[in-house]
Amino acid sequence: MVSNFDGGHVLLLLLGLAAFVLFIAALVSIVRAPRASTAEKVIWVLVVLILPLLGSIVWFVVGKRFATAGDPPAA
């Protein structure tokens, strides 16, 4: 029996898995961001849902820095 599952398929599978983990991590990070308002969180979640890979990368590069900067809000 000959298998068509070669190294290229494994690489694609691993890249897909990494993108999925990044997507889930971004959603969790957005929800747990202490300085972000509810409206900001909703907008970021929508961005990540509409553009999963790009939105997740942008969140970790730009959004998370602003959502967690400074002191946490007073309770």
PDB file of N, CA and C in Angstrom:
ATOM      1  N   MET A   1       0.842  -1.172   0.000  1.00  0.00           N
ATOM      2  CA  MET A   1       0.000   0.000   0.000  1.00  0.00           C
ATOM      3  C   MET A   1       0.894   1.244   0.000  1.00  0.00           C
ATOM      4  N   VAL A   2       0.586   2.185  -0.886  1.00  0.00           N
ATOM      5  CA  VAL A   2       1.361   3.413  -1.016  1.00  0.00           C
ATOM      6  C   VAL A   2       0.577   4.555  -0.386  1.00  0.00           C
ATOM      7  N   SER A   3       1.261   5.338   0.442  1.00  0.00           N
ATOM      8  CA  SER A   3       0.616   6.454   1.121  1.00  0.00           C
ATOM      9  C   SER A   3       0.939   7.756   0.409  1.00  0.00           C
ATOM     10  N   ASN A   4      -0.049   8.626   0.286  1.00  0.00           N
ATOM     11  CA  ASN A   4       0.153   9.940  -0.296  1.00  0.00           C
ATOM     12  C   ASN A   4       0.417  10.986   0.774  1.00  0.00           C
ATOM     13  N   PHE A   5       0.589  10.570   2.001  1.00  0.00           N
ATOM     14  CA  PHE A   5       0.815  11.471   3.126  1.00  0.00           C
ATOM     15  C   PHE A   5       2.316  11.663   3.279  1.00  0.00           C
ATOM     16  N   ASP A   6       2.855  12.736   2.690  1.00  0.00           N
ATOM     17  CA  ASP A   6       4.296  12.955   2.719  1.00  0.00           C
ATOM     18  C   ASP A   6       4.657  14.136   3.631  1.00  0.00           C
ATOM     19  N   GLY A   7       5.899  14.569   3.559  1.00  0.00           N
ATOM     20  CA  GLY A   7       6.389  15.641   4.415  1.00  0.00           C
ATOM     21  C   GLY A   7       5.647  16.949   4.225  1.00  0.00           C
ATOM     22  N   GLY A   8       5.236  17.233   2.987  1.00  0.00           N
ATOM     23  CA  GLY A   8       4.492  18.462   2.724  1.00  0.00           C
ATOM     24  C   GLY A   8       3.159  18.481   3.444  1.00  0.00           C
ATOM     25  N   HIS A   9       2.506  17.328   3.492  1.00  0.00           N
ATOM     26  CA  HIS A   9       1.229  17.237   4.196  1.00  0.00           C
ATOM     27  C   HIS A   9       1.417  17.408   5.702  1.00  0.00           C
ATOM     28  N   VAL A  10       2.482  16.850   6.217  1.00  0.00           N
ATOM     29  CA  VAL A  10       2.767  16.989   7.650  1.00  0.00           C
ATOM     30  C   VAL A  10       3.032  18.454   7.980  1.00  0.00           C
ATOM     31  N   LEU A  11       3.793  19.135   7.124  1.00  0.00           N
ATOM     32  CA  LEU A  11       4.084  20.549   7.334  1.00  0.00           C
ATOM     33  C   LEU A  11       2.802  21.380   7.315  1.00  0.00           C
ATOM     34  N   LEU A  12       1.930  21.129   6.359  1.00  0.00           N
ATOM     35  CA  LEU A  12       0.655  21.842   6.295  1.00  0.00           C
ATOM     36  C   LEU A  12      -0.200  21.569   7.526  1.00  0.00           C
ATOM     37  N   LEU A  13      -0.203  20.338   7.975  1.00  0.00           N
ATOM     38  CA  LEU A  13      -0.961  19.976   9.172  1.00  0.00           C
ATOM     39  C   LEU A  13      -0.418  20.710  10.397  1.00  0.00           C
ATOM     40  N   LEU A  14       0.889  20.764  10.541  1.00  0.00           N
ATOM     41  CA  LEU A  14       1.489  21.465  11.679  1.00  0.00           C
ATOM     42  C   LEU A  14       1.245  22.974  11.608  1.00  0.00           C
ATOM     43  N   LEU A  15       1.329  23.558  10.422  1.00  0.00           N
ATOM     44  CA  LEU A  15       1.041  24.981  10.271  1.00  0.00           C
ATOM     45  C   LEU A  15      -0.417  25.290  10.593  1.00  0.00           C
ATOM     46  N   GLY A  16      -1.318  24.434  10.156  1.00  0.00           N
ATOM     47  CA  GLY A  16      -2.733  24.608  10.473  1.00  0.00           C
ATOM     48  C   GLY A  16      -2.993  24.507  11.964  1.00  0.00           C
ATOM     49  N   LEU A  17      -2.350  23.557  12.602  1.00  0.00           N
ATOM     50  CA  LEU A  17      -2.488  23.388  14.052  1.00  0.00           C
ATOM     51  C   LEU A  17      -1.930  24.608  14.793  1.00  0.00           C
ATOM     52  N   ALA A  18      -0.789  25.122  14.345  1.00  0.00           N
ATOM     53  CA  ALA A  18      -0.202  26.305  14.969  1.00  0.00           C
ATOM     54  C   ALA A  18      -1.123  27.513  14.802  1.00  0.00           C
ATOM     55  N   ALA A  19      -1.725  27.665  13.631  1.00  0.00           N
ATOM     56  CA  ALA A  19      -2.649  28.781  13.392  1.00  0.00           C
ATOM     57  C   ALA A  19      -3.876  28.657  14.290  1.00  0.00           C
ATOM     58  N   PHE A  20      -4.370  27.445  14.475  1.00  0.00           N
ATOM     59  CA  PHE A  20      -5.532  27.222  15.339  1.00  0.00           C
ATOM     60  C   PHE A  20      -5.198  27.544  16.793  1.00  0.00           C
ATOM     61  N   VAL A  21      -4.035  27.119  17.257  1.00  0.00           N
ATOM     62  CA  VAL A  21      -3.613  27.406  18.636  1.00  0.00           C
ATOM     63  C   VAL A  21      -3.450  28.911  18.824  1.00  0.00           C
ATOM     64  N   LEU A  22      -2.867  29.607  17.840  1.00  0.00           N
ATOM     65  CA  LEU A  22      -2.717  31.057  17.909  1.00  0.00           C
ATOM     66  C   LEU A  22      -4.082  31.739  17.970  1.00  0.00           C
ATOM     67  N   PHE A  23      -5.033  31.260  17.186  1.00  0.00           N
ATOM     68  CA  PHE A  23      -6.401  31.781  17.165  1.00  0.00           C
ATOM     69  C   PHE A  23      -7.058  31.660  18.541  1.00  0.00           C
ATOM     70  N   ILE A  24      -6.995  30.476  19.132  1.00  0.00           N
ATOM     71  CA  ILE A  24      -7.592  30.239  20.453  1.00  0.00           C
ATOM     72  C   ILE A  24      -6.876  31.082  21.518  1.00  0.00           C
ATOM     73  N   ALA A  25      -5.547  31.144  21.450  1.00  0.00           N
ATOM     74  CA  ALA A  25      -4.784  31.937  22.421  1.00  0.00           C
ATOM     75  C   ALA A  25      -5.149  33.416  22.319  1.00  0.00           C
ATOM     76  N   ALA A  26      -5.354  33.914  21.106  1.00  0.00           N
ATOM     77  CA  ALA A  26      -5.733  35.322  20.934  1.00  0.00           C
ATOM     78  C   ALA A  26      -7.099  35.585  21.547  1.00  0.00           C
ATOM     79  N   LEU A  27      -8.056  34.704  21.308  1.00  0.00           N
ATOM     80  CA  LEU A  27      -9.393  34.894  21.881  1.00  0.00           C
ATOM     81  C   LEU A  27      -9.348  34.897  23.403  1.00  0.00           C
ATOM     82  N   VAL A  28      -8.614  33.976  23.982  1.00  0.00           N
ATOM     83  CA  VAL A  28      -8.500  33.910  25.442  1.00  0.00           C
ATOM     84  C   VAL A  28      -7.807  35.171  25.970  1.00  0.00           C
ATOM     85  N   SER A  29      -6.752  35.594  25.295  1.00  0.00           N
ATOM     86  CA  SER A  29      -6.021  36.786  25.712  1.00  0.00           C
ATOM     87  C   SER A  29      -6.889  38.035  25.633  1.00  0.00           C
ATOM     88  N   ILE A  30      -7.694  38.136  24.601  1.00  0.00           N
ATOM     89  CA  ILE A  30      -8.585  39.294  24.457  1.00  0.00           C
ATOM     90  C   ILE A  30      -9.588  39.331  25.607  1.00  0.00           C
ATOM     91  N   VAL A  31     -10.212  38.212  25.875  1.00  0.00           N
ATOM     92  CA  VAL A  31     -11.228  38.157  26.930  1.00  0.00           C
ATOM     93  C   VAL A  31     -10.625  38.478  28.296  1.00  0.00           C
ATOM     94  N   ARG A  32      -9.375  38.116  28.520  1.00  0.00           N
ATOM     95  CA  ARG A  32      -8.736  38.320  29.823  1.00  0.00           C
ATOM     96  C   ARG A  32      -7.970  39.636  29.925  1.00  0.00           C
ATOM     97  N   ALA A  33      -7.973  40.463  28.878  1.00  0.00           N
ATOM     98  CA  ALA A  33      -7.231  41.733  28.898  1.00  0.00           C
ATOM     99  C   ALA A  33      -7.807  42.657  29.968  1.00  0.00           C
ATOM    100  N   PRO A  34      -7.005  43.042  30.959  1.00  0.00           N
ATOM    101  CA  PRO A  34      -7.542  43.799  32.093  1.00  0.00           C
ATOM    102  C   PRO A  34      -7.928  45.239  31.780  1.00  0.00           C
ATOM    103  N   ARG A  35      -7.256  45.896  30.862  1.00  0.00           N
ATOM    104  CA  ARG A  35      -7.501  47.315  30.601  1.00  0.00           C
ATOM    105  C   ARG A  35      -8.480  47.560  29.463  1.00  0.00           C
ATOM    106  N   ALA A  36      -8.820  46.554  28.707  1.00  0.00           N
ATOM    107  CA  ALA A  36      -9.705  46.734  27.561  1.00  0.00           C
ATOM    108  C   ALA A  36     -11.158  46.809  28.022  1.00  0.00           C
ATOM    109  N   SER A  37     -11.899  47.755  27.447  1.00  0.00           N
ATOM    110  CA  SER A  37     -13.326  47.864  27.759  1.00  0.00           C
ATOM    111  C   SER A  37     -14.075  46.738  27.052  1.00  0.00           C
ATOM    112  N   THR A  38     -15.316  46.564  27.411  1.00  0.00           N
ATOM    113  CA  THR A  38     -16.134  45.531  26.773  1.00  0.00           C
ATOM    114  C   THR A  38     -16.255  45.786  25.280  1.00  0.00           C
ATOM    115  N   ALA A  39     -16.450  47.032  24.898  1.00  0.00           N
ATOM    116  CA  ALA A  39     -16.570  47.369  23.475  1.00  0.00           C
ATOM    117  C   ALA A  39     -15.283  47.037  22.727  1.00  0.00           C
ATOM    118  N   GLU A  40     -14.139  47.360  23.318  1.00  0.00           N
ATOM    119  CA  GLU A  40     -12.855  47.037  22.679  1.00  0.00           C
ATOM    120  C   GLU A  40     -12.678  45.530  22.530  1.00  0.00           C
ATOM    121  N   LYS A  41     -13.066  44.798  23.552  1.00  0.00           N
ATOM    122  CA  LYS A  41     -12.951  43.337  23.485  1.00  0.00           C
ATOM    123  C   LYS A  41     -13.839  42.773  22.385  1.00  0.00           C
ATOM    124  N   VAL A  42     -15.061  43.283  22.263  1.00  0.00           N
ATOM    125  CA  VAL A  42     -15.977  42.807  21.217  1.00  0.00           C
ATOM    126  C   VAL A  42     -15.394  43.088  19.839  1.00  0.00           C
ATOM    127  N   ILE A  43     -14.845  44.283  19.653  1.00  0.00           N
ATOM    128  CA  ILE A  43     -14.251  44.628  18.359  1.00  0.00           C
ATOM    129  C   ILE A  43     -13.075  43.713  18.052  1.00  0.00           C
ATOM    130  N   TRP A  44     -12.198  43.494  19.017  1.00  0.00           N
ATOM    131  CA  TRP A  44     -11.052  42.614  18.787  1.00  0.00           C
ATOM    132  C   TRP A  44     -11.486  41.181  18.503  1.00  0.00           C
ATOM    133  N   VAL A  45     -12.483  40.692  19.235  1.00  0.00           N
ATOM    134  CA  VAL A  45     -12.977  39.333  18.976  1.00  0.00           C
ATOM    135  C   VAL A  45     -13.526  39.239  17.554  1.00  0.00           C
ATOM    136  N   LEU A  46     -14.267  40.251  17.123  1.00  0.00           N
ATOM    137  CA  LEU A  46     -14.793  40.242  15.753  1.00  0.00           C
ATOM    138  C   LEU A  46     -13.665  40.260  14.725  1.00  0.00           C
ATOM    139  N   VAL A  47     -12.639  41.060  14.972  1.00  0.00           N
ATOM    140  CA  VAL A  47     -11.495  41.098  14.047  1.00  0.00           C
ATOM    141  C   VAL A  47     -10.843  39.724  13.955  1.00  0.00           C
ATOM    142  N   VAL A  48     -10.646  39.080  15.093  1.00  0.00           N
ATOM    143  CA  VAL A  48     -10.000  37.764  15.106  1.00  0.00           C
ATOM    144  C   VAL A  48     -10.907  36.706  14.471  1.00  0.00           C
ATOM    145  N   LEU A  49     -12.211  36.816  14.660  1.00  0.00           N
ATOM    146  CA  LEU A  49     -13.121  35.847  14.039  1.00  0.00           C
ATOM    147  C   LEU A  49     -13.199  36.025  12.523  1.00  0.00           C
ATOM    148  N   ILE A  50     -13.147  37.276  12.057  1.00  0.00           N
ATOM    149  CA  ILE A  50     -13.253  37.539  10.618  1.00  0.00           C
ATOM    150  C   ILE A  50     -11.934  37.235   9.910  1.00  0.00           C
ATOM    151  N   LEU A  51     -10.826  37.598  10.534  1.00  0.00           N
ATOM    152  CA  LEU A  51      -9.495  37.354   9.962  1.00  0.00           C
ATOM    153  C   LEU A  51      -8.668  36.545  10.961  1.00  0.00           C
ATOM    154  N   PRO A  52      -8.900  35.249  11.058  1.00  0.00           N
ATOM    155  CA  PRO A  52      -8.313  34.461  12.147  1.00  0.00           C
ATOM    156  C   PRO A  52      -6.789  34.577  12.282  1.00  0.00           C
ATOM    157  N   LEU A  53      -6.057  34.337  11.237  1.00  0.00           N
ATOM    158  CA  LEU A  53      -4.604  34.354  11.355  1.00  0.00           C
ATOM    159  C   LEU A  53      -4.075  35.783  11.478  1.00  0.00           C
ATOM    160  N   LEU A  54      -4.463  36.646  10.570  1.00  0.00           N
ATOM    161  CA  LEU A  54      -3.987  38.027  10.587  1.00  0.00           C
ATOM    162  C   LEU A  54      -4.465  38.762  11.837  1.00  0.00           C
ATOM    163  N   GLY A  55      -5.725  38.585  12.209  1.00  0.00           N
ATOM    164  CA  GLY A  55      -6.261  39.241  13.402  1.00  0.00           C
ATOM    165  C   GLY A  55      -5.542  38.808  14.667  1.00  0.00           C
ATOM    166  N   SER A  56      -5.225  37.517  14.756  1.00  0.00           N
ATOM    167  CA  SER A  56      -4.509  37.006  15.927  1.00  0.00           C
ATOM    168  C   SER A  56      -3.110  37.599  16.016  1.00  0.00           C
ATOM    169  N   ILE A  57      -2.425  37.666  14.887  1.00  0.00           N
ATOM    170  CA  ILE A  57      -1.083  38.234  14.869  1.00  0.00           C
ATOM    171  C   ILE A  57      -1.126  39.713  15.248  1.00  0.00           C
ATOM    172  N   VAL A  58      -2.071  40.449  14.675  1.00  0.00           N
ATOM    173  CA  VAL A  58      -2.186  41.876  14.976  1.00  0.00           C
ATOM    174  C   VAL A  58      -2.509  42.082  16.455  1.00  0.00           C
ATOM    175  N   TRP A  59      -3.357  41.243  17.031  1.00  0.00           N
ATOM    176  CA  TRP A  59      -3.671  41.367  18.456  1.00  0.00           C
ATOM    177  C   TRP A  59      -2.405  41.245  19.297  1.00  0.00           C
ATOM    178  N   PHE A  60      -1.598  40.219  19.031  1.00  0.00           N
ATOM    179  CA  PHE A  60      -0.412  40.006  19.857  1.00  0.00           C
ATOM    180  C   PHE A  60       0.681  41.043  19.591  1.00  0.00           C
ATOM    181  N   VAL A  61       0.720  41.615  18.398  1.00  0.00           N
ATOM    182  CA  VAL A  61       1.740  42.612  18.078  1.00  0.00           C
ATOM    183  C   VAL A  61       1.331  44.001  18.549  1.00  0.00           C
ATOM    184  N   VAL A  62       0.066  44.372  18.354  1.00  0.00           N
ATOM    185  CA  VAL A  62      -0.377  45.741  18.619  1.00  0.00           C
ATOM    186  C   VAL A  62      -1.391  45.812  19.758  1.00  0.00           C
ATOM    187  N   GLY A  63      -2.460  45.077  19.649  1.00  0.00           N
ATOM    188  CA  GLY A  63      -3.587  45.219  20.569  1.00  0.00           C
ATOM    189  C   GLY A  63      -3.288  44.879  22.010  1.00  0.00           C
ATOM    190  N   LYS A  64      -2.592  43.798  22.233  1.00  0.00           N
ATOM    191  CA  LYS A  64      -2.334  43.361  23.609  1.00  0.00           C
ATOM    192  C   LYS A  64      -1.499  44.390  24.362  1.00  0.00           C
ATOM    193  N   ARG A  65      -0.592  45.045  23.676  1.00  0.00           N
ATOM    194  CA  ARG A  65       0.266  46.041  24.318  1.00  0.00           C
ATOM    195  C   ARG A  65      -0.578  47.182  24.893  1.00  0.00           C
ATOM    196  N   PHE A  66      -1.592  47.638  24.157  1.00  0.00           N
ATOM    197  CA  PHE A  66      -2.423  48.737  24.629  1.00  0.00           C
ATOM    198  C   PHE A  66      -3.474  48.274  25.639  1.00  0.00           C
ATOM    199  N   ALA A  67      -3.931  47.044  25.512  1.00  0.00           N
ATOM    200  CA  ALA A  67      -4.980  46.537  26.396  1.00  0.00           C
ATOM    201  C   ALA A  67      -4.451  46.149  27.764  1.00  0.00           C
ATOM    202  N   THR A  68      -3.144  46.001  27.900  1.00  0.00           N
ATOM    203  CA  THR A  68      -2.579  45.595  29.196  1.00  0.00           C
ATOM    204  C   THR A  68      -1.614  46.639  29.749  1.00  0.00           C
ATOM    205  N   ALA A  69      -1.455  47.776  29.098  1.00  0.00           N
ATOM    206  CA  ALA A  69      -0.506  48.794  29.550  1.00  0.00           C
ATOM    207  C   ALA A  69      -1.048  49.540  30.772  1.00  0.00           C
ATOM    208  N   GLY A  70      -0.163  49.957  31.610  1.00  0.00           N
ATOM    209  CA  GLY A  70      -0.552  50.753  32.773  1.00  0.00           C
ATOM    210  C   GLY A  70      -1.092  49.912  33.909  1.00  0.00           C
ATOM    211  N   ASP A  71      -1.611  50.629  34.899  1.00  0.00           N
ATOM    212  CA  ASP A  71      -2.183  49.967  36.068  1.00  0.00           C
ATOM    213  C   ASP A  71      -3.561  49.411  35.715  1.00  0.00           C
ATOM    214  N   PRO A  72      -3.948  48.311  36.338  1.00  0.00           N
ATOM    215  CA  PRO A  72      -5.299  47.784  36.101  1.00  0.00           C
ATOM    216  C   PRO A  72      -6.349  48.765  36.605  1.00  0.00           C
ATOM    217  N   PRO A  73      -7.541  48.744  36.013  1.00  0.00           N
ATOM    218  CA  PRO A  73      -8.573  49.673  36.464  1.00  0.00           C
ATOM    219  C   PRO A  73      -8.971  49.435  37.912  1.00  0.00           C
ATOM    220  N   ALA A  74      -9.349  50.501  38.586  1.00  0.00           N
ATOM    221  CA  ALA A  74      -9.777  50.394  39.991  1.00  0.00           C
ATOM    222  C   ALA A  74     -11.100  49.648  40.086  1.00  0.00           C
ATOM    223  N   ALA A  75     -11.203  48.793  41.062  1.00  0.00           N
ATOM    224  CA  ALA A  75     -12.435  47.998  41.214  1.00  0.00           C
ATOM    225  C   ALA A  75     -13.510  48.750  41.943  1.00  0.00           C
TER     226      ALA A  75
END
